[in-house]
């Protein structure tokens, strides 16, 4: 398995983020707020926002392989009636796909988020045709809850997305096999 670490963001990460994130295959499976092309200015803005909001209802981490930032993962706590739930989001540079990094990163950040925030549930909403992301979530112990048919519009195309979640008690008992 490929070794990696999760760490807090640093302003000097912007150049590596811009390089790793500037891929249409990554942007195609993320919300429109994730631009393509992905510029140095986009990376600097994102990292600055992560640093400013760290611990205030969110936890974001750089995914680092061999000393280089190759992705991002974050937990975003809900508000109002969703205050005990949080959304998980992530992306990884294409050359690191299918190496087990993302599913292990998901486990690590979820474990930390359950400890840090008073959460009972963490969920993710991958696009229904994103088999890679769905596989990551299943491998990390998430449960499929359903498909939201024609629930999103990405690049002018109506698509469906899925709901996956993991509960606190499931996280505590999941052995990762």
N, C-alpha and C. Protein backbone atom coordinates (compact mmCIF):
# COMPACT_ATOMS: atom_id res chain seq x y z
N UNK A 1 0.83 -1.19 0.00
CA UNK A 1 0.00 0.00 0.00
C UNK A 1 0.87 1.25 0.00
N UNK A 2 0.42 2.22 -0.73
CA UNK A 2 1.15 3.48 -0.83
C UNK A 2 1.04 4.26 0.47
N UNK A 3 2.15 4.74 0.97
CA UNK A 3 2.16 5.54 2.19
C UNK A 3 1.77 6.98 1.88
N UNK A 4 1.07 7.59 2.81
CA UNK A 4 0.65 8.98 2.66
C UNK A 4 0.41 9.55 4.06
N UNK A 5 0.18 10.84 4.12
CA UNK A 5 -0.22 11.45 5.39
C UNK A 5 -1.28 12.50 5.12
N UNK A 6 -2.06 12.79 6.14
CA UNK A 6 -2.99 13.90 6.12
C UNK A 6 -2.41 14.96 7.03
N UNK A 7 -2.39 16.21 6.54
CA UNK A 7 -1.90 17.28 7.39
C UNK A 7 -2.68 18.55 7.10
N UNK A 8 -2.60 19.49 8.03
CA UNK A 8 -3.27 20.76 7.83
C UNK A 8 -2.62 21.51 6.67
N UNK A 9 -3.41 22.41 6.09
CA UNK A 9 -2.96 23.16 4.93
C UNK A 9 -1.92 24.22 5.28
N UNK A 10 -1.07 24.49 4.33
CA UNK A 10 -0.08 25.56 4.42
C UNK A 10 -0.20 26.42 3.16
N UNK A 11 0.01 27.71 3.31
CA UNK A 11 -0.10 28.60 2.14
C UNK A 11 0.82 28.17 1.01
N UNK A 12 1.98 27.66 1.35
CA UNK A 12 2.94 27.28 0.32
C UNK A 12 2.54 26.02 -0.46
N UNK A 13 1.40 25.42 -0.13
CA UNK A 13 0.90 24.24 -0.86
C UNK A 13 0.23 24.61 -2.18
N UNK A 14 -0.02 25.89 -2.41
CA UNK A 14 -0.86 26.31 -3.54
C UNK A 14 -0.34 25.81 -4.89
N UNK A 15 0.95 25.89 -5.13
CA UNK A 15 1.47 25.49 -6.43
C UNK A 15 1.22 24.00 -6.71
N UNK A 16 1.48 23.17 -5.72
CA UNK A 16 1.25 21.73 -5.90
C UNK A 16 -0.24 21.41 -6.04
N UNK A 17 -1.08 22.12 -5.31
CA UNK A 17 -2.53 21.91 -5.43
C UNK A 17 -2.99 22.28 -6.83
N UNK A 18 -2.56 23.42 -7.33
CA UNK A 18 -2.96 23.85 -8.66
C UNK A 18 -2.55 22.82 -9.71
N UNK A 19 -1.36 22.27 -9.57
CA UNK A 19 -0.88 21.28 -10.53
C UNK A 19 -1.69 19.98 -10.42
N UNK A 20 -1.91 19.49 -9.20
CA UNK A 20 -2.62 18.22 -9.00
C UNK A 20 -4.10 18.32 -9.36
N UNK A 21 -4.71 19.46 -9.08
CA UNK A 21 -6.16 19.61 -9.27
C UNK A 21 -6.55 19.98 -10.70
N UNK A 22 -5.62 20.41 -11.50
CA UNK A 22 -5.94 20.89 -12.85
C UNK A 22 -6.12 19.72 -13.81
N UNK A 23 -7.22 19.02 -13.64
CA UNK A 23 -7.50 17.82 -14.42
C UNK A 23 -9.01 17.76 -14.66
N UNK A 24 -9.44 17.74 -15.92
CA UNK A 24 -10.88 17.71 -16.19
C UNK A 24 -11.58 16.46 -15.64
N UNK A 25 -10.86 15.35 -15.50
CA UNK A 25 -11.47 14.13 -14.96
C UNK A 25 -11.79 14.28 -13.47
N UNK A 26 -11.01 15.09 -12.76
CA UNK A 26 -11.32 15.37 -11.34
C UNK A 26 -12.51 16.32 -11.27
N UNK A 27 -12.44 17.41 -12.00
CA UNK A 27 -13.50 18.41 -11.97
C UNK A 27 -14.85 17.85 -12.42
N UNK A 28 -14.83 16.87 -13.32
CA UNK A 28 -16.08 16.30 -13.85
C UNK A 28 -16.93 15.64 -12.78
N UNK A 29 -16.31 15.23 -11.68
CA UNK A 29 -17.05 14.51 -10.64
C UNK A 29 -17.18 15.29 -9.34
N UNK A 30 -16.94 16.60 -9.41
CA UNK A 30 -17.08 17.45 -8.23
C UNK A 30 -18.08 18.57 -8.52
N UNK A 31 -18.50 19.24 -7.48
CA UNK A 31 -19.44 20.34 -7.63
C UNK A 31 -18.83 21.46 -8.46
N UNK A 32 -19.69 22.31 -8.99
CA UNK A 32 -19.24 23.39 -9.87
C UNK A 32 -18.29 24.37 -9.20
N UNK A 33 -18.29 24.44 -7.89
CA UNK A 33 -17.38 25.33 -7.18
C UNK A 33 -15.92 24.93 -7.41
N UNK A 34 -15.68 23.69 -7.82
CA UNK A 34 -14.34 23.20 -8.15
C UNK A 34 -14.11 23.49 -9.64
N UNK A 35 -13.29 24.48 -9.95
CA UNK A 35 -13.18 24.94 -11.34
C UNK A 35 -12.26 24.07 -12.21
N UNK A 36 -12.46 24.21 -13.50
CA UNK A 36 -11.50 23.70 -14.47
C UNK A 36 -11.45 24.68 -15.62
N UNK A 37 -10.29 25.18 -16.01
CA UNK A 37 -8.99 24.86 -15.42
C UNK A 37 -8.87 25.35 -13.97
N UNK A 38 -8.01 24.68 -13.23
CA UNK A 38 -7.76 24.99 -11.82
C UNK A 38 -6.44 25.75 -11.75
N UNK A 39 -6.51 27.02 -11.39
CA UNK A 39 -5.35 27.91 -11.44
C UNK A 39 -4.66 28.05 -10.09
N UNK A 40 -3.51 28.67 -10.11
CA UNK A 40 -2.80 28.97 -8.88
C UNK A 40 -3.64 29.88 -7.98
N UNK A 41 -4.36 30.82 -8.56
CA UNK A 41 -5.25 31.70 -7.78
C UNK A 41 -6.37 30.90 -7.11
N UNK A 42 -6.92 29.89 -7.83
CA UNK A 42 -7.96 29.03 -7.25
C UNK A 42 -7.40 28.28 -6.05
N UNK A 43 -6.19 27.74 -6.20
CA UNK A 43 -5.55 26.98 -5.13
C UNK A 43 -5.27 27.87 -3.92
N UNK A 44 -4.76 29.06 -4.15
CA UNK A 44 -4.45 29.98 -3.06
C UNK A 44 -5.72 30.38 -2.31
N UNK A 45 -6.81 30.62 -3.05
CA UNK A 45 -8.08 30.97 -2.41
C UNK A 45 -8.58 29.80 -1.56
N UNK A 46 -8.58 28.60 -2.13
CA UNK A 46 -9.06 27.41 -1.42
C UNK A 46 -8.26 27.17 -0.13
N UNK A 47 -6.96 27.19 -0.24
CA UNK A 47 -6.12 26.94 0.93
C UNK A 47 -6.33 28.02 1.99
N UNK A 48 -6.39 29.27 1.58
CA UNK A 48 -6.65 30.36 2.53
C UNK A 48 -7.96 30.18 3.25
N UNK A 49 -8.99 29.76 2.52
CA UNK A 49 -10.30 29.52 3.12
C UNK A 49 -10.24 28.35 4.11
N UNK A 50 -9.54 27.30 3.74
CA UNK A 50 -9.40 26.14 4.63
C UNK A 50 -8.69 26.53 5.93
N UNK A 51 -7.63 27.28 5.81
CA UNK A 51 -6.86 27.71 6.98
C UNK A 51 -7.72 28.60 7.88
N UNK A 52 -8.45 29.54 7.28
CA UNK A 52 -9.27 30.48 8.05
C UNK A 52 -10.42 29.79 8.79
N UNK A 53 -10.97 28.74 8.21
CA UNK A 53 -12.16 28.09 8.78
C UNK A 53 -11.85 26.82 9.56
N UNK A 54 -10.59 26.44 9.65
CA UNK A 54 -10.21 25.19 10.31
C UNK A 54 -10.76 25.13 11.73
N UNK A 55 -11.45 24.04 12.04
CA UNK A 55 -11.97 23.81 13.38
C UNK A 55 -13.28 24.52 13.67
N UNK A 56 -13.71 25.38 12.78
CA UNK A 56 -14.98 26.09 12.97
C UNK A 56 -16.05 25.47 12.08
N UNK A 57 -16.44 24.26 12.44
CA UNK A 57 -17.44 23.56 11.66
C UNK A 57 -16.88 22.84 10.45
N UNK A 58 -15.58 22.83 10.33
CA UNK A 58 -14.97 22.07 9.25
C UNK A 58 -13.56 21.65 9.61
N UNK A 59 -13.14 20.60 8.94
CA UNK A 59 -11.80 20.06 9.10
C UNK A 59 -11.33 19.68 7.69
N UNK A 60 -10.29 20.32 7.22
CA UNK A 60 -9.78 20.00 5.89
C UNK A 60 -8.30 19.64 6.00
N UNK A 61 -7.89 18.70 5.18
CA UNK A 61 -6.52 18.22 5.21
C UNK A 61 -5.96 18.06 3.81
N UNK A 62 -4.68 18.31 3.69
CA UNK A 62 -3.94 18.00 2.47
C UNK A 62 -3.60 16.51 2.50
N UNK A 63 -3.71 15.86 1.37
CA UNK A 63 -3.25 14.48 1.22
C UNK A 63 -1.85 14.58 0.63
N UNK A 64 -0.86 14.05 1.36
CA UNK A 64 0.54 14.22 1.00
C UNK A 64 1.18 12.84 0.75
N UNK A 65 1.80 12.70 -0.41
CA UNK A 65 2.53 11.48 -0.77
C UNK A 65 3.96 11.89 -1.12
N UNK A 66 4.92 11.23 -0.51
CA UNK A 66 6.34 11.52 -0.77
C UNK A 66 6.66 13.01 -0.64
N UNK A 67 6.04 13.66 0.33
CA UNK A 67 6.30 15.07 0.59
C UNK A 67 5.58 16.04 -0.31
N UNK A 68 4.72 15.54 -1.21
CA UNK A 68 4.02 16.41 -2.17
C UNK A 68 2.51 16.34 -1.95
N UNK A 69 1.85 17.50 -2.02
CA UNK A 69 0.40 17.55 -1.89
C UNK A 69 -0.21 17.01 -3.19
N UNK A 70 -1.04 15.97 -3.05
CA UNK A 70 -1.65 15.32 -4.22
C UNK A 70 -3.17 15.25 -4.13
N UNK A 71 -3.75 15.86 -3.10
CA UNK A 71 -5.19 15.83 -2.98
C UNK A 71 -5.67 16.56 -1.75
N UNK A 72 -6.98 16.53 -1.58
CA UNK A 72 -7.62 17.22 -0.46
C UNK A 72 -8.77 16.38 0.06
N UNK A 73 -9.01 16.49 1.36
CA UNK A 73 -10.14 15.80 1.97
C UNK A 73 -10.66 16.68 3.09
N UNK A 74 -11.99 16.70 3.25
CA UNK A 74 -12.56 17.56 4.27
C UNK A 74 -13.88 17.06 4.80
N UNK A 75 -14.18 17.52 6.00
CA UNK A 75 -15.44 17.25 6.70
C UNK A 75 -16.08 18.61 6.99
N UNK A 76 -17.37 18.73 6.67
CA UNK A 76 -18.08 19.99 6.82
C UNK A 76 -19.35 19.75 7.62
N UNK A 77 -19.38 20.27 8.85
CA UNK A 77 -20.48 20.04 9.77
C UNK A 77 -21.70 20.82 9.32
N UNK A 78 -22.87 20.19 9.41
CA UNK A 78 -24.12 20.82 9.02
C UNK A 78 -24.60 21.82 10.05
N UNK A 79 -25.66 22.51 9.70
CA UNK A 79 -26.26 23.52 10.58
C UNK A 79 -27.71 23.16 10.84
N UNK A 80 -28.30 23.84 11.81
CA UNK A 80 -29.70 23.68 12.14
C UNK A 80 -29.98 22.22 12.49
N UNK A 81 -30.94 21.59 11.86
CA UNK A 81 -31.28 20.21 12.20
C UNK A 81 -30.20 19.21 11.76
N UNK A 82 -29.24 19.67 10.97
CA UNK A 82 -28.14 18.81 10.53
C UNK A 82 -26.87 19.00 11.35
N UNK A 83 -26.99 19.63 12.51
CA UNK A 83 -25.81 19.97 13.31
C UNK A 83 -25.03 18.77 13.82
N UNK A 84 -25.60 17.59 13.83
CA UNK A 84 -24.90 16.38 14.28
C UNK A 84 -24.44 15.51 13.12
N UNK A 85 -24.61 16.04 11.90
CA UNK A 85 -24.16 15.37 10.69
C UNK A 85 -23.11 16.23 10.01
N UNK A 86 -22.28 15.60 9.20
CA UNK A 86 -21.27 16.33 8.44
C UNK A 86 -21.12 15.69 7.08
N UNK A 87 -20.77 16.53 6.10
CA UNK A 87 -20.53 16.04 4.75
C UNK A 87 -19.03 15.83 4.54
N UNK A 88 -18.71 14.77 3.85
CA UNK A 88 -17.35 14.43 3.48
C UNK A 88 -17.14 14.78 2.01
N UNK A 89 -16.00 15.38 1.72
CA UNK A 89 -15.63 15.64 0.33
C UNK A 89 -14.14 15.37 0.14
N UNK A 90 -13.76 14.98 -1.07
CA UNK A 90 -12.36 14.67 -1.33
C UNK A 90 -12.08 14.65 -2.82
N UNK A 91 -10.81 14.80 -3.16
CA UNK A 91 -10.31 14.56 -4.51
C UNK A 91 -8.85 14.15 -4.40
N UNK A 92 -8.37 13.45 -5.41
CA UNK A 92 -6.99 12.97 -5.43
C UNK A 92 -6.46 13.06 -6.86
N UNK A 93 -5.20 13.46 -7.01
CA UNK A 93 -4.58 13.53 -8.33
C UNK A 93 -4.69 12.17 -9.02
N UNK A 94 -4.96 12.19 -10.31
CA UNK A 94 -5.27 10.98 -11.06
C UNK A 94 -4.17 9.92 -10.98
N UNK A 95 -2.92 10.32 -10.95
CA UNK A 95 -1.85 9.32 -10.93
C UNK A 95 -1.80 8.51 -9.63
N UNK A 96 -2.60 8.89 -8.63
CA UNK A 96 -2.64 8.17 -7.36
C UNK A 96 -3.94 7.39 -7.17
N UNK A 97 -4.81 7.38 -8.17
CA UNK A 97 -6.05 6.62 -8.07
C UNK A 97 -5.75 5.13 -7.99
N UNK A 98 -6.63 4.41 -7.34
CA UNK A 98 -6.61 2.94 -7.23
C UNK A 98 -5.38 2.41 -6.49
N UNK A 99 -4.90 3.19 -5.53
CA UNK A 99 -3.78 2.75 -4.71
C UNK A 99 -4.17 2.63 -3.23
N UNK A 100 -5.46 2.74 -2.94
CA UNK A 100 -5.95 2.60 -1.57
C UNK A 100 -5.78 3.84 -0.71
N UNK A 101 -5.29 4.91 -1.30
CA UNK A 101 -5.03 6.12 -0.52
C UNK A 101 -6.32 6.76 -0.04
N UNK A 102 -7.26 6.97 -0.94
CA UNK A 102 -8.45 7.74 -0.59
C UNK A 102 -9.31 7.01 0.43
N UNK A 103 -9.51 5.72 0.30
CA UNK A 103 -10.35 5.01 1.27
C UNK A 103 -9.72 5.05 2.67
N UNK A 104 -8.40 4.96 2.75
CA UNK A 104 -7.74 5.06 4.05
C UNK A 104 -7.81 6.49 4.58
N UNK A 105 -7.67 7.48 3.69
CA UNK A 105 -7.79 8.88 4.11
C UNK A 105 -9.19 9.17 4.64
N UNK A 106 -10.20 8.60 3.99
CA UNK A 106 -11.59 8.76 4.45
C UNK A 106 -11.73 8.21 5.87
N UNK A 107 -11.20 7.03 6.10
CA UNK A 107 -11.29 6.43 7.45
C UNK A 107 -10.60 7.34 8.48
N UNK A 108 -9.43 7.83 8.13
CA UNK A 108 -8.65 8.64 9.07
C UNK A 108 -9.38 9.93 9.43
N UNK A 109 -9.87 10.66 8.42
CA UNK A 109 -10.49 11.95 8.71
C UNK A 109 -11.84 11.76 9.40
N UNK A 110 -12.56 10.71 9.04
CA UNK A 110 -13.85 10.45 9.71
C UNK A 110 -13.63 10.13 11.18
N UNK A 111 -12.65 9.31 11.47
CA UNK A 111 -12.34 8.98 12.86
C UNK A 111 -12.01 10.25 13.65
N UNK A 112 -11.18 11.11 13.07
CA UNK A 112 -10.81 12.36 13.73
C UNK A 112 -12.01 13.28 13.90
N UNK A 113 -12.86 13.35 12.87
CA UNK A 113 -14.04 14.23 12.94
C UNK A 113 -15.04 13.76 13.98
N UNK A 114 -15.26 12.46 14.08
CA UNK A 114 -16.17 11.94 15.10
C UNK A 114 -15.66 12.29 16.50
N UNK A 115 -14.35 12.30 16.67
CA UNK A 115 -13.77 12.66 17.97
C UNK A 115 -13.82 14.15 18.24
N UNK A 116 -13.59 14.96 17.22
CA UNK A 116 -13.49 16.41 17.39
C UNK A 116 -14.84 17.10 17.49
N UNK A 117 -15.77 16.69 16.64
CA UNK A 117 -17.09 17.31 16.60
C UNK A 117 -18.10 16.33 17.22
N UNK A 118 -19.20 16.81 17.68
CA UNK A 118 -20.22 15.97 18.31
C UNK A 118 -21.13 15.39 17.24
N UNK A 119 -20.58 14.53 16.40
CA UNK A 119 -21.30 13.98 15.26
C UNK A 119 -21.86 12.60 15.53
N UNK A 120 -22.94 12.29 14.85
CA UNK A 120 -23.48 10.93 14.86
C UNK A 120 -23.45 10.31 13.47
N UNK A 121 -23.21 11.16 12.43
CA UNK A 121 -23.29 10.68 11.05
C UNK A 121 -22.40 11.54 10.15
N UNK A 122 -21.70 10.87 9.24
CA UNK A 122 -20.95 11.54 8.19
C UNK A 122 -21.45 10.96 6.87
N UNK A 123 -21.71 11.83 5.92
CA UNK A 123 -22.26 11.37 4.64
C UNK A 123 -21.46 11.94 3.47
N UNK A 124 -21.63 11.29 2.33
CA UNK A 124 -21.02 11.75 1.09
C UNK A 124 -22.04 11.57 -0.02
N UNK A 125 -21.92 12.40 -1.07
CA UNK A 125 -22.87 12.39 -2.16
C UNK A 125 -22.16 12.26 -3.52
N UNK A 126 -21.60 11.09 -3.80
CA UNK A 126 -20.92 10.91 -5.09
C UNK A 126 -21.92 10.87 -6.25
N UNK A 127 -21.48 11.34 -7.41
CA UNK A 127 -22.31 11.21 -8.60
C UNK A 127 -22.54 9.72 -8.86
N UNK A 128 -23.73 9.36 -9.29
CA UNK A 128 -24.11 7.95 -9.44
C UNK A 128 -23.24 7.20 -10.43
N UNK A 129 -22.64 7.89 -11.39
CA UNK A 129 -21.80 7.23 -12.38
C UNK A 129 -20.31 7.28 -12.02
N UNK A 130 -20.00 7.73 -10.81
CA UNK A 130 -18.60 7.82 -10.36
C UNK A 130 -18.24 6.54 -9.58
N UNK A 131 -17.96 5.48 -10.32
CA UNK A 131 -17.69 4.18 -9.71
C UNK A 131 -16.48 4.23 -8.77
N UNK A 132 -15.47 5.03 -9.10
CA UNK A 132 -14.28 5.12 -8.26
C UNK A 132 -14.61 5.65 -6.87
N UNK A 133 -15.35 6.73 -6.81
CA UNK A 133 -15.70 7.32 -5.53
C UNK A 133 -16.64 6.43 -4.73
N UNK A 134 -17.57 5.80 -5.41
CA UNK A 134 -18.48 4.86 -4.73
C UNK A 134 -17.67 3.71 -4.14
N UNK A 135 -16.69 3.21 -4.89
CA UNK A 135 -15.83 2.14 -4.37
C UNK A 135 -15.05 2.57 -3.15
N UNK A 136 -14.55 3.81 -3.17
CA UNK A 136 -13.83 4.36 -2.01
C UNK A 136 -14.72 4.32 -0.77
N UNK A 137 -15.94 4.79 -0.91
CA UNK A 137 -16.85 4.88 0.23
C UNK A 137 -17.21 3.49 0.75
N UNK A 138 -17.50 2.56 -0.14
CA UNK A 138 -17.82 1.19 0.29
C UNK A 138 -16.63 0.57 1.04
N UNK A 139 -15.44 0.75 0.49
CA UNK A 139 -14.24 0.19 1.12
C UNK A 139 -13.99 0.82 2.49
N UNK A 140 -14.40 2.08 2.66
CA UNK A 140 -14.22 2.78 3.93
C UNK A 140 -15.34 2.47 4.94
N UNK A 141 -16.31 1.64 4.56
CA UNK A 141 -17.35 1.23 5.49
C UNK A 141 -18.64 2.02 5.43
N UNK A 142 -18.79 2.85 4.42
CA UNK A 142 -20.02 3.63 4.27
C UNK A 142 -21.14 2.75 3.73
N UNK A 143 -22.37 3.11 4.06
CA UNK A 143 -23.56 2.38 3.63
C UNK A 143 -24.30 3.19 2.57
N UNK A 144 -24.74 2.52 1.53
CA UNK A 144 -25.54 3.14 0.47
C UNK A 144 -26.95 3.39 1.02
N UNK A 145 -27.43 4.61 0.86
CA UNK A 145 -28.77 4.96 1.35
C UNK A 145 -29.77 5.19 0.22
N UNK A 146 -29.29 5.48 -0.97
CA UNK A 146 -30.22 5.69 -2.07
C UNK A 146 -29.63 6.56 -3.16
N UNK A 147 -30.38 6.64 -4.25
CA UNK A 147 -29.99 7.46 -5.40
C UNK A 147 -30.99 8.59 -5.58
N UNK A 148 -30.48 9.78 -5.70
CA UNK A 148 -31.29 10.95 -5.98
C UNK A 148 -31.31 11.12 -7.50
N UNK A 149 -32.40 10.63 -8.11
CA UNK A 149 -32.50 10.60 -9.57
C UNK A 149 -32.60 12.01 -10.14
N UNK A 150 -31.79 12.25 -11.17
CA UNK A 150 -31.77 13.56 -11.84
C UNK A 150 -31.65 14.70 -10.84
N UNK A 151 -30.82 14.50 -9.82
CA UNK A 151 -30.71 15.46 -8.73
C UNK A 151 -29.72 16.58 -8.93
N UNK A 152 -28.89 16.50 -9.97
CA UNK A 152 -27.86 17.53 -10.17
C UNK A 152 -27.75 17.89 -11.65
N UNK A 153 -27.17 19.05 -11.89
CA UNK A 153 -26.86 19.48 -13.24
C UNK A 153 -25.38 19.86 -13.26
N UNK A 154 -24.59 19.09 -13.97
CA UNK A 154 -23.15 19.33 -14.07
C UNK A 154 -22.81 19.56 -15.53
N UNK A 155 -22.23 20.72 -15.82
CA UNK A 155 -21.85 21.08 -17.19
C UNK A 155 -23.03 20.95 -18.16
N UNK A 156 -24.21 21.34 -17.69
CA UNK A 156 -25.41 21.32 -18.51
C UNK A 156 -26.06 19.96 -18.67
N UNK A 157 -25.54 18.95 -17.99
CA UNK A 157 -26.08 17.59 -18.10
C UNK A 157 -26.75 17.21 -16.78
N UNK A 158 -27.99 16.74 -16.88
CA UNK A 158 -28.71 16.27 -15.70
C UNK A 158 -28.18 14.89 -15.35
N UNK A 159 -27.80 14.72 -14.08
CA UNK A 159 -27.23 13.46 -13.61
C UNK A 159 -27.85 13.11 -12.26
N UNK A 160 -27.64 11.90 -11.86
CA UNK A 160 -28.09 11.44 -10.54
C UNK A 160 -26.91 11.38 -9.59
N UNK A 161 -27.21 11.43 -8.30
CA UNK A 161 -26.16 11.26 -7.30
C UNK A 161 -26.66 10.31 -6.23
N UNK A 162 -25.73 9.76 -5.48
CA UNK A 162 -26.05 8.78 -4.44
C UNK A 162 -25.79 9.37 -3.06
N UNK A 163 -26.39 8.76 -2.08
CA UNK A 163 -26.16 9.12 -0.68
C UNK A 163 -25.53 7.91 0.00
N UNK A 164 -24.36 8.14 0.59
CA UNK A 164 -23.67 7.14 1.40
C UNK A 164 -23.41 7.76 2.76
N UNK A 165 -23.42 6.93 3.80
CA UNK A 165 -23.12 7.46 5.13
C UNK A 165 -22.47 6.41 6.00
N UNK A 166 -21.87 6.91 7.06
CA UNK A 166 -21.35 6.05 8.13
C UNK A 166 -21.77 6.69 9.44
N UNK A 167 -22.24 5.86 10.35
CA UNK A 167 -22.67 6.32 11.67
C UNK A 167 -21.54 6.12 12.67
N UNK A 168 -21.59 6.88 13.74
CA UNK A 168 -20.56 6.79 14.77
C UNK A 168 -20.36 5.35 15.23
N UNK A 169 -21.45 4.65 15.54
CA UNK A 169 -21.31 3.28 16.05
C UNK A 169 -20.75 2.33 14.99
N UNK A 170 -21.01 2.60 13.72
CA UNK A 170 -20.44 1.78 12.65
C UNK A 170 -18.94 2.03 12.52
N UNK A 171 -18.55 3.26 12.69
CA UNK A 171 -17.13 3.62 12.61
C UNK A 171 -16.36 2.91 13.72
N UNK A 172 -16.95 2.87 14.89
CA UNK A 172 -16.28 2.27 16.05
C UNK A 172 -16.11 0.76 15.88
N UNK A 173 -16.98 0.13 15.09
CA UNK A 173 -16.95 -1.34 14.94
C UNK A 173 -16.42 -1.82 13.60
N UNK A 174 -16.09 -0.91 12.71
CA UNK A 174 -15.61 -1.30 11.38
C UNK A 174 -14.15 -1.69 11.46
N UNK A 175 -13.83 -2.88 10.95
CA UNK A 175 -12.44 -3.35 11.03
C UNK A 175 -11.66 -3.15 9.73
N UNK A 176 -12.34 -2.63 8.69
CA UNK A 176 -11.62 -2.29 7.46
C UNK A 176 -11.40 -3.43 6.50
N UNK A 177 -12.00 -4.56 6.71
CA UNK A 177 -11.80 -5.69 5.78
C UNK A 177 -12.81 -5.70 4.68
